[in-house]
N, C-alpha and C. Protein backbone atom coordinates (compact mmCIF):
# COMPACT_ATOMS: atom_id res chain seq x y z
N MET A 1 34.96 27.05 -68.49
CA MET A 1 34.83 27.32 -67.01
C MET A 1 33.69 28.21 -66.76
N THR A 2 32.84 27.72 -65.64
CA THR A 2 31.73 28.54 -65.33
C THR A 2 32.21 29.57 -64.36
N GLN A 3 31.76 30.68 -64.55
CA GLN A 3 31.83 31.82 -63.69
C GLN A 3 30.98 31.71 -62.35
N LYS A 4 31.71 31.94 -61.29
CA LYS A 4 30.90 31.79 -59.97
C LYS A 4 30.79 33.30 -59.44
N THR A 5 29.60 33.54 -58.88
CA THR A 5 29.24 34.75 -58.31
C THR A 5 28.76 34.44 -56.82
N VAL A 6 29.43 35.25 -55.76
CA VAL A 6 28.92 34.93 -54.45
C VAL A 6 28.15 36.19 -54.13
N ILE A 7 26.83 35.95 -53.68
CA ILE A 7 25.96 37.10 -53.22
C ILE A 7 26.03 37.03 -51.70
N PRO A 8 26.43 38.00 -50.98
CA PRO A 8 26.51 37.92 -49.52
C PRO A 8 25.14 37.78 -48.92
N PRO A 9 25.02 37.60 -47.65
CA PRO A 9 23.80 37.43 -46.96
C PRO A 9 23.05 38.79 -47.09
N GLN A 10 21.72 38.59 -47.42
CA GLN A 10 20.77 39.79 -47.63
C GLN A 10 19.75 39.65 -46.39
N PRO A 11 18.97 40.73 -46.34
CA PRO A 11 17.87 40.76 -45.23
C PRO A 11 16.98 39.52 -45.61
N GLY A 12 16.84 38.75 -44.51
CA GLY A 12 15.88 37.49 -44.67
C GLY A 12 16.61 36.26 -45.22
N VAL A 13 17.90 36.47 -45.78
CA VAL A 13 18.55 35.37 -46.29
C VAL A 13 20.00 35.28 -45.55
N PRO A 14 20.07 34.41 -44.48
CA PRO A 14 21.26 34.31 -43.61
C PRO A 14 22.39 33.52 -44.17
N PHE A 15 22.40 33.29 -45.44
CA PHE A 15 23.56 32.48 -45.99
C PHE A 15 23.98 33.09 -47.36
N GLU A 16 25.17 32.73 -47.74
CA GLU A 16 25.68 33.30 -48.99
C GLU A 16 25.02 32.34 -50.03
N ILE A 17 24.73 32.91 -51.25
CA ILE A 17 24.23 32.30 -52.29
C ILE A 17 25.43 32.20 -53.51
N ASP A 18 25.75 30.96 -53.88
CA ASP A 18 26.72 30.79 -54.80
C ASP A 18 25.86 30.55 -56.11
N GLU A 19 26.17 31.28 -57.16
CA GLU A 19 25.35 31.20 -58.36
C GLU A 19 26.34 31.08 -59.55
N ALA A 20 25.94 30.22 -60.49
CA ALA A 20 26.74 30.03 -61.75
C ALA A 20 26.00 31.15 -62.66
N LEU A 21 26.50 32.27 -62.71
CA LEU A 21 25.99 33.52 -63.37
C LEU A 21 24.75 33.80 -62.74
N ALA A 22 24.04 34.80 -63.16
CA ALA A 22 22.78 35.31 -62.63
C ALA A 22 21.62 34.26 -63.11
N PRO A 23 20.63 34.04 -62.29
CA PRO A 23 19.46 33.15 -62.74
C PRO A 23 18.89 33.76 -64.11
N PRO A 24 18.44 32.89 -64.84
CA PRO A 24 17.82 33.40 -66.11
C PRO A 24 16.63 34.23 -65.87
N GLU A 25 16.33 35.29 -66.76
CA GLU A 25 15.17 35.88 -66.80
C GLU A 25 13.99 34.99 -66.75
N MET A 26 12.86 35.24 -66.06
CA MET A 26 11.83 34.58 -66.01
C MET A 26 11.02 34.58 -67.34
N VAL A 27 10.64 33.36 -67.84
CA VAL A 27 10.01 33.25 -69.06
C VAL A 27 8.54 32.82 -68.76
N PRO A 28 7.58 32.62 -69.63
CA PRO A 28 6.28 32.28 -69.20
C PRO A 28 6.32 30.79 -68.70
N VAL A 29 7.23 29.91 -69.21
CA VAL A 29 7.50 28.56 -68.70
C VAL A 29 8.95 28.22 -68.49
N ALA A 30 9.41 27.59 -67.32
CA ALA A 30 10.65 27.27 -67.16
C ALA A 30 10.79 25.90 -66.57
N ARG A 31 11.63 25.05 -67.13
CA ARG A 31 11.76 23.65 -66.72
C ARG A 31 13.11 23.58 -66.00
N LEU A 32 13.18 23.03 -64.72
CA LEU A 32 14.42 22.91 -64.02
C LEU A 32 14.68 21.35 -63.87
N ASP A 33 15.93 21.02 -63.85
CA ASP A 33 16.45 19.59 -63.59
C ASP A 33 17.08 19.44 -62.34
N LEU A 34 16.31 19.34 -61.30
CA LEU A 34 16.74 19.30 -59.87
C LEU A 34 17.91 18.31 -59.55
N PRO A 35 17.64 17.00 -60.16
CA PRO A 35 18.73 16.13 -59.77
C PRO A 35 20.18 16.48 -60.39
N GLU A 36 20.04 17.06 -61.49
CA GLU A 36 21.31 17.57 -62.19
C GLU A 36 21.94 18.74 -61.49
N GLU A 37 21.05 19.66 -61.07
CA GLU A 37 21.52 20.83 -60.34
C GLU A 37 22.10 20.33 -58.97
N ILE A 38 21.45 19.54 -58.29
CA ILE A 38 22.08 18.88 -57.04
C ILE A 38 23.33 18.27 -57.21
N ARG A 39 23.42 17.49 -58.28
CA ARG A 39 24.72 16.75 -58.54
C ARG A 39 25.81 17.68 -58.80
N GLN A 40 25.66 18.69 -59.56
CA GLN A 40 26.64 19.81 -59.89
C GLN A 40 26.99 20.54 -58.49
N MET A 41 26.01 20.91 -57.76
CA MET A 41 26.23 21.62 -56.50
C MET A 41 27.01 20.78 -55.54
N ARG A 42 26.85 19.50 -55.43
CA ARG A 42 27.38 18.70 -54.46
C ARG A 42 28.86 18.50 -54.80
N THR A 43 29.34 18.58 -56.07
CA THR A 43 30.66 18.46 -56.47
C THR A 43 31.43 19.88 -56.28
N SER A 44 30.57 21.05 -55.93
CA SER A 44 31.12 22.32 -55.72
C SER A 44 31.38 22.69 -54.28
N ILE A 45 30.95 21.90 -53.32
CA ILE A 45 31.05 22.31 -51.84
C ILE A 45 32.57 22.21 -51.62
N PRO A 46 33.22 23.30 -51.21
CA PRO A 46 34.60 23.21 -50.90
C PRO A 46 34.98 22.36 -49.56
N PRO A 47 35.92 21.51 -49.88
CA PRO A 47 36.34 20.62 -48.76
C PRO A 47 36.90 21.60 -47.48
N GLY A 48 36.49 21.27 -46.30
CA GLY A 48 36.96 22.05 -45.21
C GLY A 48 36.36 23.43 -45.07
N GLY A 49 35.50 23.74 -45.78
CA GLY A 49 34.88 25.11 -45.76
C GLY A 49 33.46 25.02 -45.29
N ARG A 50 32.61 25.93 -45.79
CA ARG A 50 31.15 25.81 -45.60
C ARG A 50 30.62 24.45 -45.95
N ARG A 51 29.57 24.04 -45.09
CA ARG A 51 29.09 22.70 -45.35
C ARG A 51 27.66 22.66 -46.17
N HIS A 52 27.45 23.88 -46.71
CA HIS A 52 26.20 23.95 -47.51
C HIS A 52 26.43 24.86 -48.76
N LEU A 53 25.67 24.77 -49.70
CA LEU A 53 25.59 25.55 -50.84
C LEU A 53 24.34 25.87 -51.32
N SER A 54 24.03 27.16 -51.64
CA SER A 54 22.72 27.59 -52.11
C SER A 54 22.75 28.16 -53.55
N LYS A 55 21.77 28.02 -54.33
CA LYS A 55 21.70 28.51 -55.69
C LYS A 55 20.40 29.03 -55.92
N THR A 56 20.26 30.27 -56.41
CA THR A 56 18.89 30.85 -56.81
C THR A 56 18.69 30.34 -58.31
N LEU A 57 17.56 29.62 -58.29
CA LEU A 57 17.19 29.02 -59.61
C LEU A 57 16.26 30.11 -60.43
N VAL A 58 15.40 30.57 -59.76
CA VAL A 58 14.42 31.74 -60.28
C VAL A 58 14.36 32.79 -59.31
N ARG A 59 14.47 34.00 -59.90
CA ARG A 59 14.33 35.39 -59.22
C ARG A 59 13.49 36.23 -59.93
N THR A 60 12.40 36.62 -59.33
CA THR A 60 11.51 37.62 -59.97
C THR A 60 11.17 38.65 -58.80
N GLY A 61 10.47 39.58 -59.10
CA GLY A 61 10.14 40.70 -58.16
C GLY A 61 9.33 40.16 -56.88
N ASP A 62 8.62 39.10 -57.09
CA ASP A 62 7.72 38.61 -55.83
C ASP A 62 8.02 37.07 -55.57
N VAL A 63 8.84 36.43 -56.24
CA VAL A 63 9.26 34.95 -55.94
C VAL A 63 10.66 34.73 -56.05
N ARG A 64 11.31 33.97 -55.13
CA ARG A 64 12.57 33.42 -55.31
C ARG A 64 12.53 32.02 -55.09
N LEU A 65 13.07 31.16 -55.96
CA LEU A 65 13.22 29.72 -55.94
C LEU A 65 14.74 29.33 -55.67
N VAL A 66 15.03 28.81 -54.39
CA VAL A 66 16.49 28.59 -54.01
C VAL A 66 16.62 27.03 -53.73
N LEU A 67 17.65 26.55 -54.39
CA LEU A 67 18.12 25.09 -54.06
C LEU A 67 19.13 25.21 -53.08
N MET A 68 19.18 24.27 -52.09
CA MET A 68 20.24 24.27 -51.11
C MET A 68 20.67 22.76 -50.90
N VAL A 69 21.89 22.56 -50.97
CA VAL A 69 22.46 21.26 -50.74
C VAL A 69 23.27 21.38 -49.39
N LEU A 70 23.23 20.43 -48.52
CA LEU A 70 23.83 20.42 -47.18
C LEU A 70 24.50 18.96 -46.97
N GLU A 71 25.76 19.16 -46.53
CA GLU A 71 26.30 18.00 -45.89
C GLU A 71 25.80 17.54 -44.61
N LYS A 72 25.83 16.35 -44.25
CA LYS A 72 25.27 15.99 -42.93
C LYS A 72 25.86 16.72 -41.76
N GLY A 73 24.98 17.28 -40.95
CA GLY A 73 25.43 18.00 -39.75
C GLY A 73 25.41 19.48 -40.07
N ALA A 74 25.41 19.80 -41.32
CA ALA A 74 25.36 21.35 -41.65
C ALA A 74 24.23 22.06 -40.92
N ARG A 75 24.39 23.26 -40.54
CA ARG A 75 23.29 24.15 -39.93
C ARG A 75 23.19 25.46 -40.46
N ILE A 76 21.99 25.88 -40.57
CA ILE A 76 21.61 27.37 -40.87
C ILE A 76 21.18 27.85 -39.64
N ASP A 77 21.67 28.87 -38.97
CA ASP A 77 21.31 29.43 -37.63
C ASP A 77 19.98 30.03 -37.83
N GLU A 78 19.30 30.33 -36.73
CA GLU A 78 17.92 30.87 -36.50
C GLU A 78 17.92 32.29 -37.34
N HIS A 79 16.85 32.35 -38.25
CA HIS A 79 16.72 33.75 -38.90
C HIS A 79 15.30 33.83 -39.35
N ARG A 80 14.92 34.89 -40.00
CA ARG A 80 13.54 35.14 -40.46
C ARG A 80 13.66 35.62 -41.77
N THR A 81 12.51 35.30 -42.56
CA THR A 81 12.38 35.89 -43.93
C THR A 81 11.26 36.79 -43.96
N GLU A 82 11.46 37.90 -44.93
CA GLU A 82 10.41 38.82 -45.06
C GLU A 82 9.14 38.43 -45.79
N GLY A 83 9.32 37.28 -46.60
CA GLY A 83 8.26 36.67 -47.31
C GLY A 83 7.72 35.41 -46.69
N ARG A 84 6.58 34.87 -47.20
CA ARG A 84 6.19 33.57 -46.79
C ARG A 84 7.09 32.71 -47.69
N MET A 85 7.30 31.45 -47.03
CA MET A 85 8.16 30.46 -47.58
C MET A 85 7.86 29.07 -47.41
N THR A 86 8.21 28.25 -48.45
CA THR A 86 8.05 26.77 -48.17
C THR A 86 9.51 26.22 -48.15
N ILE A 87 9.60 25.12 -47.42
CA ILE A 87 10.80 24.21 -47.44
C ILE A 87 10.39 22.92 -47.82
N HIS A 88 10.86 22.51 -48.98
CA HIS A 88 10.48 21.23 -49.66
C HIS A 88 11.62 20.24 -49.62
N GLY A 89 11.53 19.21 -48.86
CA GLY A 89 12.58 18.12 -48.76
C GLY A 89 12.63 17.45 -50.19
N VAL A 90 14.00 17.48 -50.77
CA VAL A 90 14.07 16.82 -52.08
C VAL A 90 14.78 15.54 -51.89
N ASP A 91 15.92 15.47 -51.03
CA ASP A 91 16.46 14.22 -50.67
C ASP A 91 17.13 14.38 -49.35
N GLY A 92 17.30 13.22 -48.77
CA GLY A 92 18.04 13.33 -47.39
C GLY A 92 16.96 13.51 -46.36
N GLN A 93 17.43 14.16 -45.25
CA GLN A 93 16.42 14.52 -44.07
C GLN A 93 16.96 15.68 -43.45
N VAL A 94 16.07 16.62 -43.24
CA VAL A 94 16.59 17.88 -42.50
C VAL A 94 15.61 18.15 -41.38
N ARG A 95 16.06 18.72 -40.31
CA ARG A 95 15.19 19.17 -39.10
C ARG A 95 15.14 20.75 -39.16
N VAL A 96 13.94 21.09 -39.10
CA VAL A 96 13.57 22.62 -39.02
C VAL A 96 13.07 22.98 -37.64
N ARG A 97 13.73 23.85 -37.03
CA ARG A 97 13.27 24.25 -35.64
C ARG A 97 12.66 25.61 -35.70
N SER A 98 11.50 25.86 -35.14
CA SER A 98 10.82 27.16 -35.13
C SER A 98 10.27 27.24 -33.64
N GLY A 99 10.94 28.19 -32.89
CA GLY A 99 10.50 28.25 -31.53
C GLY A 99 10.79 27.04 -30.81
N GLU A 100 9.67 26.47 -30.11
CA GLU A 100 9.90 25.20 -29.36
C GLU A 100 9.48 24.04 -30.37
N ALA A 101 9.02 24.28 -31.55
CA ALA A 101 8.58 23.11 -32.47
C ALA A 101 9.84 22.60 -33.29
N SER A 102 9.83 21.41 -33.49
CA SER A 102 10.81 20.84 -34.44
C SER A 102 10.01 19.87 -35.42
N PHE A 103 10.54 19.98 -36.78
CA PHE A 103 9.86 19.27 -37.79
C PHE A 103 10.90 18.59 -38.54
N GLU A 104 10.78 17.26 -38.77
CA GLU A 104 11.72 16.59 -39.54
C GLU A 104 11.12 16.51 -41.00
N LEU A 105 11.82 16.82 -41.98
CA LEU A 105 11.42 16.81 -43.45
C LEU A 105 12.13 15.86 -44.21
N ALA A 106 11.44 14.79 -44.72
CA ALA A 106 11.96 13.77 -45.67
C ALA A 106 11.69 14.19 -47.01
N PRO A 107 12.19 13.39 -48.04
CA PRO A 107 11.81 13.81 -49.37
C PRO A 107 10.34 13.86 -49.65
N GLY A 108 9.90 14.84 -50.43
CA GLY A 108 8.49 14.87 -50.74
C GLY A 108 7.74 15.64 -49.53
N GLN A 109 8.24 16.09 -48.47
CA GLN A 109 7.51 16.67 -47.56
C GLN A 109 7.75 18.24 -47.60
N VAL A 110 6.73 18.95 -47.15
CA VAL A 110 6.94 20.30 -47.30
C VAL A 110 6.48 21.09 -46.00
N LEU A 111 7.27 22.09 -45.61
CA LEU A 111 6.90 22.79 -44.54
C LEU A 111 6.60 24.33 -44.99
N VAL A 112 5.51 24.89 -44.43
CA VAL A 112 5.15 26.22 -44.94
C VAL A 112 5.33 27.16 -43.69
N LEU A 113 5.97 28.33 -43.90
CA LEU A 113 6.22 29.18 -42.89
C LEU A 113 5.55 30.60 -43.20
N ASP A 114 4.97 31.24 -42.39
CA ASP A 114 4.45 32.57 -42.70
C ASP A 114 5.59 33.55 -42.57
N ARG A 115 5.48 34.78 -43.02
CA ARG A 115 6.54 35.75 -43.08
C ARG A 115 6.94 36.05 -41.78
N ASP A 116 8.34 36.40 -41.38
CA ASP A 116 8.79 36.86 -40.17
C ASP A 116 8.80 35.75 -39.04
N VAL A 117 8.67 34.46 -39.49
CA VAL A 117 8.58 33.24 -38.52
C VAL A 117 10.20 32.90 -38.28
N PRO A 118 10.55 33.02 -37.03
CA PRO A 118 12.09 32.41 -36.80
C PRO A 118 12.02 31.04 -37.05
N HIS A 119 13.21 30.60 -37.74
CA HIS A 119 13.38 29.12 -38.01
C HIS A 119 14.87 28.92 -38.12
N ALA A 120 15.26 27.75 -37.87
CA ALA A 120 16.68 27.22 -38.13
C ALA A 120 16.57 25.81 -38.87
N LEU A 121 17.68 25.54 -39.46
CA LEU A 121 17.69 24.27 -40.25
C LEU A 121 18.97 23.49 -39.88
N GLN A 122 18.77 22.10 -39.88
CA GLN A 122 19.98 21.28 -39.76
C GLN A 122 19.94 20.02 -40.69
N ALA A 123 20.90 19.61 -41.34
CA ALA A 123 20.87 18.36 -42.07
C ALA A 123 21.16 17.12 -41.20
N VAL A 124 20.22 16.45 -41.13
CA VAL A 124 20.34 15.09 -40.29
C VAL A 124 21.19 14.05 -41.03
N GLU A 125 21.21 14.17 -42.36
CA GLU A 125 22.04 13.49 -43.21
C GLU A 125 22.23 14.33 -44.55
N GLU A 126 23.18 13.81 -45.47
CA GLU A 126 23.32 14.64 -46.69
C GLU A 126 22.04 14.86 -47.26
N SER A 127 21.72 16.15 -47.58
CA SER A 127 20.29 16.42 -47.94
C SER A 127 20.27 17.63 -48.96
N SER A 128 19.07 17.76 -49.64
CA SER A 128 18.85 18.95 -50.37
C SER A 128 17.43 19.42 -50.04
N VAL A 129 17.22 20.64 -50.30
CA VAL A 129 15.92 21.34 -49.93
C VAL A 129 15.61 22.37 -51.09
N LEU A 130 14.32 22.49 -51.30
CA LEU A 130 14.05 23.59 -52.42
C LEU A 130 13.15 24.51 -51.60
N LEU A 131 13.70 25.77 -51.55
CA LEU A 131 13.04 26.94 -50.85
C LEU A 131 12.22 27.76 -51.80
N THR A 132 11.08 28.07 -51.59
CA THR A 132 10.28 29.11 -52.39
C THR A 132 9.90 30.17 -51.42
N ILE A 133 10.25 31.42 -51.68
CA ILE A 133 10.01 32.57 -50.92
C ILE A 133 9.27 33.51 -51.72
N ALA A 134 8.04 33.95 -51.23
CA ALA A 134 7.14 34.62 -51.90
C ALA A 134 6.77 35.93 -51.25
N TRP A 135 6.79 37.11 -51.95
CA TRP A 135 6.58 38.65 -51.17
C TRP A 135 5.29 38.96 -51.77
N HIS A 136 4.50 39.71 -51.09
CA HIS A 136 3.33 40.33 -51.56
C HIS A 136 3.79 41.60 -52.29
N GLY A 137 3.57 41.64 -53.75
CA GLY A 137 4.09 42.75 -54.52
C GLY A 137 5.43 42.67 -54.79
N HIS A 138 6.03 43.60 -55.23
CA HIS A 138 7.52 43.69 -55.68
C HIS A 138 8.38 43.66 -54.41
N HIS A 139 9.47 42.86 -54.47
CA HIS A 139 10.49 42.77 -53.46
C HIS A 139 11.65 43.41 -53.80
N SER A 140 12.24 44.49 -53.08
CA SER A 140 13.42 45.21 -53.50
C SER A 140 14.71 44.45 -53.52
N HIS A 141 14.77 43.38 -52.87
CA HIS A 141 16.11 42.62 -52.92
C HIS A 141 16.08 41.45 -53.95
N ALA A 142 15.06 41.38 -54.91
CA ALA A 142 15.00 40.45 -55.97
C ALA A 142 16.03 40.64 -57.02
């Protein structure tokens, strides 16, 4: 049985991150199987509970790669991140709101946000997104 660790929300990360153990140490090259990670995560969303699940795939001092799966209608309330970030649509469709602007992301589309830009996310349909958060220099919450 895989051990689960729940990391509570941290500054700039307004959602809990469920992780199957800690992410592996960064090596010079890492290959990730996103479809398999998504499949496993979708079977782990507890019924009647939270409607999204996040998993940190890579964590270093200056970069974090987070995979998020969301059920249709799931929402992440408005928040900010300390680092620059990308939101990459992997499957489904999500809507990202930043101020008065709204962006629909389909698979293969990427939204880039500068640090400290307020944004919120909603799954228009069952979806997954890959977040990349990058800090200048070493980040203390990594």
